[in-house]
C-alpha atoms as a PDB file:
ATOM      1  CA  MET A   1      94.704 126.678  78.183  1.00  0.00           C
ATOM      2  CA  SER A   2      95.405 130.331  78.794  1.00  0.00           C
ATOM      3  CA  ASP A   3      92.837 130.039  81.759  1.00  0.00           C
ATOM      4  CA  LEU A   4      94.497 127.222  83.066  1.00  0.00           C
ATOM      5  CA  LEU A   5      97.700 128.670  82.939  1.00  0.00           C
ATOM      6  CA  SER A   6      96.482 132.172  84.461  1.00  0.00           C
ATOM      7  CA  PHE A   7      94.866 129.972  87.565  1.00  0.00           C
ATOM      8  CA  TRP A   8      98.126 128.180  88.128  1.00  0.00           C
ATOM      9  CA  ALA A   9     100.097 131.146  88.336  1.00  0.00           C
ATOM     10  CA  THR A  10      97.678 132.383  90.967  1.00  0.00           C
ATOM     11  CA  GLN A  11      97.567 129.285  92.986  1.00  0.00           C
ATOM     12  CA  LEU A  12     101.604 128.783  92.110  1.00  0.00           C
ATOM     13  CA  PRO A  13     102.732 131.159  95.725  1.00  0.00           C
ATOM     14  CA  ALA A  14     100.831 128.735  97.905  1.00  0.00           C
ATOM     15  CA  LEU A  15     101.606 125.460  96.525  1.00  0.00           C
ATOM     16  CA  LEU A  16     105.274 126.282  96.859  1.00  0.00           C
ATOM     17  CA  ARG A  17     104.564 127.190 100.518  1.00  0.00           C
ATOM     18  CA  GLY A  18     103.187 123.865 101.014  1.00  0.00           C
ATOM     19  CA  MET A  19     106.031 122.407  99.381  1.00  0.00           C
ATOM     20  CA  ARG A  20     108.659 123.931 101.235  1.00  0.00           C
ATOM     21  CA  ILE A  21     107.020 122.508 104.716  1.00  0.00           C
ATOM     22  CA  SER A  22     107.112 119.157 102.820  1.00  0.00           C
ATOM     23  CA  LEU A  23     110.750 119.727 102.359  1.00  0.00           C
ATOM     24  CA  GLN A  24     111.275 120.306 105.592  1.00  0.00           C
ATOM     25  CA  VAL A  25     109.692 117.413 107.073  1.00  0.00           C
ATOM     26  CA  THR A  26     111.185 115.292 104.558  1.00  0.00           C
ATOM     27  CA  GLY A  27     115.021 116.941 105.457  1.00  0.00           C
ATOM     28  CA  MET A  28     114.084 116.294 109.249  1.00  0.00           C
ATOM     29  CA  ALA A  29     113.112 112.834 109.210  1.00  0.00           C
ATOM     30  CA  LEU A  30     115.851 111.695 107.328  1.00  0.00           C
ATOM     31  CA  ALA A  31     117.933 113.528 109.339  1.00  0.00           C
ATOM     32  CA  ILE A  32     116.947 111.894 112.218  1.00  0.00           C
ATOM     33  CA  GLY A  33     115.628 108.914 110.832  1.00  0.00           C
ATOM     34  CA  ILE A  34     118.612 107.616 109.267  1.00  0.00           C
ATOM     35  CA  PRO A  35     121.423 107.612 112.107  1.00  0.00           C
ATOM     36  CA  LEU A  36     118.844 106.156 114.423  1.00  0.00           C
ATOM     37  CA  GLY A  37     118.274 103.654 111.651  1.00  0.00           C
ATOM     38  CA  LEU A  38     122.401 102.857 111.474  1.00  0.00           C
ATOM     39  CA  ILE A  39     122.092 102.833 115.234  1.00  0.00           C
ATOM     40  CA  ALA A  40     119.357 100.360 114.906  1.00  0.00           C
ATOM     41  CA  ALA A  41     120.792  98.272 112.319  1.00  0.00           C
ATOM     42  CA  LEU A  42     123.802  97.600 115.031  1.00  0.00           C
ATOM     43  CA  ALA A  43     121.850  96.965 117.238  1.00  0.00           C
ATOM     44  CA  VAL A  44     119.704  94.125 115.503  1.00  0.00           C
ATOM     45  CA  GLN A  45     122.835  92.659 115.048  1.00  0.00           C
ATOM     46  CA  SER A  46     124.085  92.511 118.638  1.00  0.00           C
ATOM     47  CA  PRO A  47     124.731  89.026 120.307  1.00  0.00           C
ATOM     48  CA  SER A  48     122.937  90.904 123.748  1.00  0.00           C
ATOM     49  CA  ARG A  49     119.371  90.022 123.576  1.00  0.00           C
ATOM     50  CA  LEU A  50     119.072  93.084 126.038  1.00  0.00           C
ATOM     51  CA  ILE A  51     120.198  95.205 123.050  1.00  0.00           C
ATOM     52  CA  ARG A  52     118.801  93.400 120.287  1.00  0.00           C
ATOM     53  CA  LEU A  53     115.141  92.622 121.244  1.00  0.00           C
ATOM     54  CA  PRO A  54     114.119  96.389 121.522  1.00  0.00           C
ATOM     55  CA  ALA A  55     115.790  97.499 118.247  1.00  0.00           C
ATOM     56  CA  LEU A  56     114.031  94.665 116.947  1.00  0.00           C
ATOM     57  CA  ALA A  57     110.338  95.793 118.475  1.00  0.00           C
ATOM     58  CA  VAL A  58     111.277  99.584 117.244  1.00  0.00           C
ATOM     59  CA  VAL A  59     111.984  98.050 113.471  1.00  0.00           C
ATOM     60  CA  GLU A  60     109.079  96.031 113.423  1.00  0.00           C
ATOM     61  CA  VAL A  61     106.340  97.913 114.471  1.00  0.00           C
ATOM     62  CA  GLY A  62     107.667 101.077 112.534  1.00  0.00           C
ATOM     63  CA  ARG A  63     107.635  99.100 109.193  1.00  0.00           C
ATOM     64  CA  GLY A  64     104.719  97.070 110.235  1.00  0.00           C
ATOM     65  CA  ALA A  65     102.314 100.309 111.344  1.00  0.00           C
ATOM     66  CA  PRO A  66     101.323 102.421 107.781  1.00  0.00           C
ATOM     67  CA  ALA A  67     103.001 105.776 107.971  1.00  0.00           C
ATOM     68  CA  LEU A  68      99.766 106.893 108.567  1.00  0.00           C
ATOM     69  CA  ILE A  69      98.826 105.385 111.760  1.00  0.00           C
ATOM     70  CA  LEU A  70     102.031 106.634 113.048  1.00  0.00           C
ATOM     71  CA  LEU A  71     100.817 110.085 112.105  1.00  0.00           C
ATOM     72  CA  GLN A  72      97.646 109.553 113.723  1.00  0.00           C
ATOM     73  CA  PHE A  73      99.403 108.443 117.019  1.00  0.00           C
ATOM     74  CA  ALA A  74     101.826 111.225 117.442  1.00  0.00           C
ATOM     75  CA  TYR A  75      99.058 113.475 116.738  1.00  0.00           C
ATOM     76  CA  PHE A  76      96.152 112.618 118.233  1.00  0.00           C
ATOM     77  CA  GLY A  77      97.331 109.685 120.209  1.00  0.00           C
ATOM     78  CA  LEU A  78     100.213 111.351 122.575  1.00  0.00           C
ATOM     79  CA  PRO A  79      98.425 114.204 123.778  1.00  0.00           C
ATOM     80  CA  SER A  80      96.331 111.510 125.930  1.00  0.00           C
ATOM     81  CA  ALA A  81      99.632 110.678 127.656  1.00  0.00           C
ATOM     82  CA  GLY A  82     100.323 113.873 128.365  1.00  0.00           C
ATOM     83  CA  ILE A  83     102.657 114.728 125.644  1.00  0.00           C
ATOM     84  CA  GLN A  84     101.235 117.404 123.176  1.00  0.00           C
ATOM     85  CA  LEU A  85     103.096 117.850 119.965  1.00  0.00           C
ATOM     86  CA  SER A  86     102.598 120.305 117.104  1.00  0.00           C
ATOM     87  CA  ALA A  87     101.385 118.958 113.494  1.00  0.00           C
ATOM     88  CA  MET A  88     105.168 119.563 112.036  1.00  0.00           C
ATOM     89  CA  MET A  89     106.678 117.967 115.430  1.00  0.00           C
ATOM     90  CA  ALA A  90     104.040 114.905 114.891  1.00  0.00           C
ATOM     91  CA  ALA A  91     104.927 114.582 111.236  1.00  0.00           C
ATOM     92  CA  ILE A  92     108.819 114.648 112.009  1.00  0.00           C
ATOM     93  CA  ALA A  93     108.394 112.467 114.976  1.00  0.00           C
ATOM     94  CA  ALA A  94     106.251 110.015 112.997  1.00  0.00           C
ATOM     95  CA  LEU A  95     108.010 109.804 109.563  1.00  0.00           C
ATOM     96  CA  SER A  96     111.382 109.948 111.464  1.00  0.00           C
ATOM     97  CA  TRP A  97     110.303 106.503 112.898  1.00  0.00           C
ATOM     98  CA  THR A  98     109.228 105.157 109.699  1.00  0.00           C
ATOM     99  CA  THR A  99     112.705 106.299 107.969  1.00  0.00           C
ATOM    100  CA  CYS A 100     114.503 104.416 111.179  1.00  0.00           C
ATOM    101  CA  ALA A 101     112.111 101.187 110.937  1.00  0.00           C
ATOM    102  CA  TYR A 102     113.055 100.904 106.457  1.00  0.00           C
ATOM    103  CA  THR A 103     116.341 102.441 106.528  1.00  0.00           C
ATOM    104  CA  SER A 104     118.013  99.832 109.492  1.00  0.00           C
ATOM    105  CA  GLU A 105     117.242  97.221 107.020  1.00  0.00           C
ATOM    106  CA  ILE A 106     118.890  98.773 104.229  1.00  0.00           C
ATOM    107  CA  ILE A 107     121.711  99.605 106.247  1.00  0.00           C
ATOM    108  CA  ARG A 108     122.032  96.135 108.077  1.00  0.00           C
ATOM    109  CA  ALA A 109     122.072  94.815 104.235  1.00  0.00           C
ATOM    110  CA  GLY A 110     124.783  97.155 103.126  1.00  0.00           C
ATOM    111  CA  LEU A 111     126.856  96.119 106.574  1.00  0.00           C
ATOM    112  CA  GLN A 112     126.189  92.442 105.601  1.00  0.00           C
ATOM    113  CA  ALA A 113     127.871  93.198 102.201  1.00  0.00           C
ATOM    114  CA  VAL A 114     131.350  93.945 103.354  1.00  0.00           C
ATOM    115  CA  ALA A 115     133.561  90.944 102.716  1.00  0.00           C
ATOM    116  CA  ARG A 116     134.559  88.662 105.464  1.00  0.00           C
ATOM    117  CA  GLY A 117     137.733  89.292 104.585  1.00  0.00           C
ATOM    118  CA  GLN A 118     137.830  92.666 105.416  1.00  0.00           C
ATOM    119  CA  GLN A 119     137.059  92.166 109.069  1.00  0.00           C
ATOM    120  CA  GLU A 120     139.482  88.950 109.122  1.00  0.00           C
ATOM    121  CA  ALA A 121     142.294  91.742 107.702  1.00  0.00           C
ATOM    122  CA  ALA A 122     140.965  94.412 110.545  1.00  0.00           C
ATOM    123  CA  THR A 123     141.177  91.622 112.982  1.00  0.00           C
ATOM    124  CA  ALA A 124     144.363  90.470 111.825  1.00  0.00           C
ATOM    125  CA  LEU A 125     145.815  94.416 112.281  1.00  0.00           C
ATOM    126  CA  GLY A 126     144.721  94.292 115.806  1.00  0.00           C
ATOM    127  CA  PHE A 127     141.205  96.884 115.493  1.00  0.00           C
ATOM    128  CA  SER A 128     138.815  96.688 118.457  1.00  0.00           C
ATOM    129  CA  ARG A 129     135.007  96.209 117.324  1.00  0.00           C
ATOM    130  CA  LEU A 130     134.942  99.322 117.482  1.00  0.00           C
ATOM    131  CA  ASP A 131     137.361 100.453 115.537  1.00  0.00           C
ATOM    132  CA  GLU A 132     136.704  97.673 112.973  1.00  0.00           C
ATOM    133  CA  LEU A 133     133.032  99.362 112.859  1.00  0.00           C
ATOM    134  CA  ARG A 134     134.043 102.908 112.783  1.00  0.00           C
ATOM    135  CA  PHE A 135     137.166 102.574 109.842  1.00  0.00           C
ATOM    136  CA  VAL A 136     136.135  99.379 107.800  1.00  0.00           C
ATOM    137  CA  ILE A 137     132.464  97.843 108.018  1.00  0.00           C
ATOM    138  CA  VAL A 138     130.069 101.025 108.330  1.00  0.00           C
ATOM    139  CA  PRO A 139     132.055 103.166 105.668  1.00  0.00           C
ATOM    140  CA  GLN A 140     132.182 100.154 103.246  1.00  0.00           C
ATOM    141  CA  GLY A 141     128.167  99.586 104.252  1.00  0.00           C
ATOM    142  CA  MET A 142     127.052 102.933 103.908  1.00  0.00           C
ATOM    143  CA  ARG A 143     128.656 102.999 100.149  1.00  0.00           C
ATOM    144  CA  VAL A 144     126.659 100.082  99.370  1.00  0.00           C
ATOM    145  CA  ALA A 145     123.358 101.406 100.899  1.00  0.00           C
ATOM    146  CA  ALA A 146     123.995 104.891  99.663  1.00  0.00           C
ATOM    147  CA  PRO A 147     121.629 104.056  96.045  1.00  0.00           C
ATOM    148  CA  ALA A 148     118.607 102.300  98.382  1.00  0.00           C
ATOM    149  CA  LEU A 149     118.723 105.634 100.626  1.00  0.00           C
ATOM    150  CA  LEU A 150     118.751 107.976  98.044  1.00  0.00           C
ATOM    151  CA  GLY A 151     115.853 106.060  96.648  1.00  0.00           C
ATOM    152  CA  PHE A 152     113.874 105.816 100.034  1.00  0.00           C
ATOM    153  CA  ALA A 153     114.341 109.882 100.203  1.00  0.00           C
ATOM    154  CA  ILE A 154     112.235 110.462  97.867  1.00  0.00           C
ATOM    155  CA  LEU A 155     109.328 108.038  98.672  1.00  0.00           C
ATOM    156  CA  MET A 156     109.798 109.594 101.903  1.00  0.00           C
ATOM    157  CA  LEU A 157     108.844 112.953  99.860  1.00  0.00           C
ATOM    158  CA  GLN A 158     106.121 111.691  98.305  1.00  0.00           C
ATOM    159  CA  ALA A 159     104.909 110.343 102.136  1.00  0.00           C
ATOM    160  CA  THR A 160     104.370 113.386 103.258  1.00  0.00           C
ATOM    161  CA  SER A 161     101.365 113.949 101.510  1.00  0.00           C
ATOM    162  CA  LEU A 162      99.849 112.069 104.459  1.00  0.00           C
ATOM    163  CA  CYS A 163     100.730 114.842 106.461  1.00  0.00           C
ATOM    164  CA  PHE A 164      97.296 116.422 105.644  1.00  0.00           C
ATOM    165  CA  THR A 165      95.774 114.529 107.712  1.00  0.00           C
ATOM    166  CA  ILE A 166      96.800 115.980 110.929  1.00  0.00           C
ATOM    167  CA  ALA A 167      96.247 119.678 109.226  1.00  0.00           C
ATOM    168  CA  LEU A 168     100.052 120.173 108.339  1.00  0.00           C
ATOM    169  CA  PRO A 169      99.723 122.799 105.623  1.00  0.00           C
ATOM    170  CA  GLU A 170     101.993 120.654 103.441  1.00  0.00           C
ATOM    171  CA  LEU A 171     101.674 120.931  99.363  1.00  0.00           C
ATOM    172  CA  LEU A 172      98.750 118.146  99.308  1.00  0.00           C
ATOM    173  CA  SER A 173      97.173 119.928 102.222  1.00  0.00           C
ATOM    174  CA  GLN A 174      97.261 123.341 100.425  1.00  0.00           C
ATOM    175  CA  ALA A 175      95.849 121.873  96.772  1.00  0.00           C
ATOM    176  CA  TYR A 176      92.967 120.330  98.776  1.00  0.00           C
ATOM    177  CA  GLN A 177      92.484 123.852 100.602  1.00  0.00           C
ATOM    178  CA  ILE A 178      92.721 125.600  96.868  1.00  0.00           C
ATOM    179  CA  GLY A 179      90.358 123.117  95.801  1.00  0.00           C
ATOM    180  CA  THR A 180      87.657 123.792  98.787  1.00  0.00           C
ATOM    181  CA  ILE A 181      88.006 127.407  98.036  1.00  0.00           C
ATOM    182  CA  THR A 182      87.650 127.106  93.803  1.00  0.00           C
ATOM    183  CA  PHE A 183      86.274 124.242  93.458  1.00  0.00           C
ATOM    184  CA  ARG A 184      88.950 123.167  90.847  1.00  0.00           C
ATOM    185  CA  TYR A 185      90.376 120.301  92.619  1.00  0.00           C
ATOM    186  CA  MET A 186      91.510 118.665  89.081  1.00  0.00           C
ATOM    187  CA  ASP A 187      93.686 121.765  88.063  1.00  0.00           C
ATOM    188  CA  THR A 188      94.942 122.329  91.529  1.00  0.00           C
ATOM    189  CA  LEU A 189      95.929 119.022  91.913  1.00  0.00           C
ATOM    190  CA  MET A 190      97.209 118.654  88.737  1.00  0.00           C
ATOM    191  CA  LEU A 191      99.571 121.384  89.613  1.00  0.00           C
ATOM    192  CA  ALA A 192     100.598 120.146  92.660  1.00  0.00           C
ATOM    193  CA  ALA A 193     101.436 116.491  90.876  1.00  0.00           C
ATOM    194  CA  LEU A 194     103.599 118.537  88.693  1.00  0.00           C
ATOM    195  CA  LEU A 195     105.480 120.064  91.574  1.00  0.00           C
ATOM    196  CA  TYR A 196     106.254 116.495  93.187  1.00  0.00           C
ATOM    197  CA  ALA A 197     107.010 115.576  90.043  1.00  0.00           C
ATOM    198  CA  ALA A 198     109.740 118.831  89.043  1.00  0.00           C
ATOM    199  CA  ILE A 199     111.777 117.132  92.256  1.00  0.00           C
ATOM    200  CA  CYS A 200     111.083 113.475  92.820  1.00  0.00           C
ATOM    201  CA  ILE A 201     112.194 112.874  88.600  1.00  0.00           C
ATOM    202  CA  PRO A 202     115.508 114.925  88.956  1.00  0.00           C
ATOM    203  CA  ALA A 203     115.937 112.834  91.906  1.00  0.00           C
ATOM    204  CA  THR A 204     115.254 109.593  90.395  1.00  0.00           C
ATOM    205  CA  VAL A 205     117.979 110.264  87.281  1.00  0.00           C
ATOM    206  CA  LEU A 206     120.378 111.644  90.066  1.00  0.00           C
ATOM    207  CA  VAL A 207     120.289 108.373  92.353  1.00  0.00           C
ATOM    208  CA  ALA A 208     120.473 106.276  89.031  1.00  0.00           C
ATOM    209  CA  ALA A 209     123.698 107.839  88.032  1.00  0.00           C
ATOM    210  CA  ILE A 210     125.451 107.652  91.708  1.00  0.00           C
ATOM    211  CA  GLU A 211     124.002 104.117  91.146  1.00  0.00           C
ATOM    212  CA  ARG A 212     126.171 103.203  88.220  1.00  0.00           C
ATOM    213  CA  ARG A 213     129.291 105.593  89.326  1.00  0.00           C
ATOM    214  CA  LEU A 214     129.188 103.274  92.416  1.00  0.00           C
ATOM    215  CA  ASP A 215     129.065 100.092  90.519  1.00  0.00           C
ATOM    216  CA  ARG A 216     132.269 101.401  88.718  1.00  0.00           C
ATOM    217  CA  HIS A 217     133.700 101.440  91.479  1.00  0.00           C
ATOM    218  CA  THR A 218     133.116  98.680  93.136  1.00  0.00           C
ATOM    219  CA  ALA A 219     133.580  96.345  90.174  1.00  0.00           C
END
């Protein structure tokens, strides 16, 4: 046991560097993908086919293609079209697309959960369609969608483990590199799993608490 703890203490700094990169990719993917998801959710509900159909294509491809395929496409496929992305940028681009696609459906469900009477009241008060979205539908819909979006954020952190396939030195990549050098794969992967759990478990508890709080206020 003391040998395992000593090994973990030695390798922990490298894994923490990988965890920092994982968190950076997750944060950027969410910061880009969720606003795009809101735009896509609104576009999918547009009566105009010129707006609705391209938005549907982006959402369906993003949901239908595994995140791993999107990562491979961004890193290995785009250079053939003259677009060269670093591993970090490719990871952010691919996971932002995945985030946009999935959160658009979460947000769309939240928007549709807003009571019809709220929209009728806004119309009766003379709100334009834009003001109705800004002040009535989107704020209430995002509040409904918030727990699901936070839960999805946890999944995106776990999805960054796929980035080892494009040589991004995130947590899992660091773990494999250490395992290759030391041949102690199990011990290294156990520590990596503990680091993921140290973030994901408290985050899951926080999401549950936020959901209960929102339920009390909307009851």
